[in-house]
Amino acid sequence: MENWKTVEGITIPMLRRNKQNAQDSSSAAYSAIEFNPSVDEKIFERPADKTSPAQ
């Protein structure tokens, strides 16, 4: 973990490197982190039923 930044009083890594069999396998870089963001309640609504007419 690298590139540590303090966000809202919490220090977190903005870059994470993953290894597999001692070889770099992937990495994740974060450009922004937000704790407890407000979320639109509509994304949790159940979608309308899509019923097709009987044939």
C-alpha atoms as a PDB file:
ATOM      1  CA  MET A   1       0.000   0.000   0.000  1.00  0.00           C
ATOM      2  CA  GLU A   2       1.345   3.361  -1.005  1.00  0.00           C
ATOM      3  CA  ASN A   3       0.536   7.047  -1.368  1.00  0.00           C
ATOM      4  CA  TRP A   4      -1.120   7.485   2.021  1.00  0.00           C
ATOM      5  CA  LYS A   5      -3.530  10.449   2.371  1.00  0.00           C
ATOM      6  CA  THR A   6      -5.694  11.676   5.219  1.00  0.00           C
ATOM      7  CA  VAL A   7      -9.355  11.908   4.249  1.00  0.00           C
ATOM      8  CA  GLU A   8     -11.849  13.205   6.807  1.00  0.00           C
ATOM      9  CA  GLY A   9      -9.353  12.441   9.585  1.00  0.00           C
ATOM     10  CA  ILE A  10      -8.665   8.858   8.452  1.00  0.00           C
ATOM     11  CA  THR A  11      -5.324   7.969   6.857  1.00  0.00           C
ATOM     12  CA  ILE A  12      -5.753   5.549   3.957  1.00  0.00           C
ATOM     13  CA  PRO A  13      -3.640   4.282   1.038  1.00  0.00           C
ATOM     14  CA  MET A  14      -4.553   5.732  -2.347  1.00  0.00           C
ATOM     15  CA  LEU A  15      -2.604   2.988  -4.162  1.00  0.00           C
ATOM     16  CA  ARG A  16      -2.784  -0.733  -3.533  1.00  0.00           C
ATOM     17  CA  ARG A  17      -0.595  -3.244  -5.342  1.00  0.00           C
ATOM     18  CA  ASN A  18      -1.492  -6.932  -5.357  1.00  0.00           C
ATOM     19  CA  LYS A  19       0.940  -9.796  -5.816  1.00  0.00           C
ATOM     20  CA  GLN A  20       0.463 -13.408  -6.770  1.00  0.00           C
ATOM     21  CA  ASN A  21       3.347 -15.877  -6.496  1.00  0.00           C
ATOM     22  CA  ALA A  22       5.624 -12.943  -5.575  1.00  0.00           C
ATOM     23  CA  GLN A  23       4.801 -11.212  -8.887  1.00  0.00           C
ATOM     24  CA  ASP A  24       2.801  -8.023  -9.335  1.00  0.00           C
ATOM     25  CA  SER A  25      -0.653  -9.097 -10.482  1.00  0.00           C
ATOM     26  CA  SER A  26      -2.772  -5.967 -10.277  1.00  0.00           C
ATOM     27  CA  SER A  27      -3.094  -2.579  -8.674  1.00  0.00           C
ATOM     28  CA  ALA A  28      -5.859  -0.216  -7.673  1.00  0.00           C
ATOM     29  CA  ALA A  29      -5.381   3.538  -7.541  1.00  0.00           C
ATOM     30  CA  TYR A  30      -8.010   5.760  -5.959  1.00  0.00           C
ATOM     31  CA  SER A  31      -8.354   9.367  -7.063  1.00  0.00           C
ATOM     32  CA  ALA A  32     -11.041  10.247  -4.510  1.00  0.00           C
ATOM     33  CA  ILE A  33     -12.587   8.618  -1.460  1.00  0.00           C
ATOM     34  CA  GLU A  34     -15.740   9.757   0.299  1.00  0.00           C
ATOM     35  CA  PHE A  35     -17.025   8.310   3.568  1.00  0.00           C
ATOM     36  CA  ASN A  36     -20.769   7.972   4.127  1.00  0.00           C
ATOM     37  CA  PRO A  37     -21.879   9.747   0.954  1.00  0.00           C
ATOM     38  CA  SER A  38     -25.544  10.595   0.539  1.00  0.00           C
ATOM     39  CA  VAL A  39     -27.211   8.053  -1.724  1.00  0.00           C
ATOM     40  CA  ASP A  40     -30.355   8.503  -3.777  1.00  0.00           C
ATOM     41  CA  GLU A  41     -32.976   6.197  -2.229  1.00  0.00           C
ATOM     42  CA  LYS A  42     -34.337   5.386  -5.698  1.00  0.00           C
ATOM     43  CA  ILE A  43     -31.450   3.024  -6.419  1.00  0.00           C
ATOM     44  CA  PHE A  44     -32.885   0.686  -3.776  1.00  0.00           C
ATOM     45  CA  GLU A  45     -36.407   0.631  -5.238  1.00  0.00           C
ATOM     46  CA  ARG A  46     -37.580  -2.607  -6.791  1.00  0.00           C
ATOM     47  CA  PRO A  47     -37.849  -2.329 -10.576  1.00  0.00           C
ATOM     48  CA  ALA A  48     -41.287  -2.483 -12.133  1.00  0.00           C
ATOM     49  CA  ASP A  49     -42.412  -5.947 -13.226  1.00  0.00           C
ATOM     50  CA  LYS A  50     -41.891  -6.502 -16.916  1.00  0.00           C
ATOM     51  CA  THR A  51     -44.518  -9.023 -17.821  1.00  0.00           C
ATOM     52  CA  SER A  52     -44.880 -10.104 -21.404  1.00  0.00           C
ATOM     53  CA  PRO A  53     -48.304 -10.821 -22.805  1.00  0.00           C
ATOM     54  CA  ALA A  54     -49.299 -14.507 -22.812  1.00  0.00           C
ATOM     55  CA  GLN A  55     -49.188 -16.202 -26.184  1.00  0.00           C
END
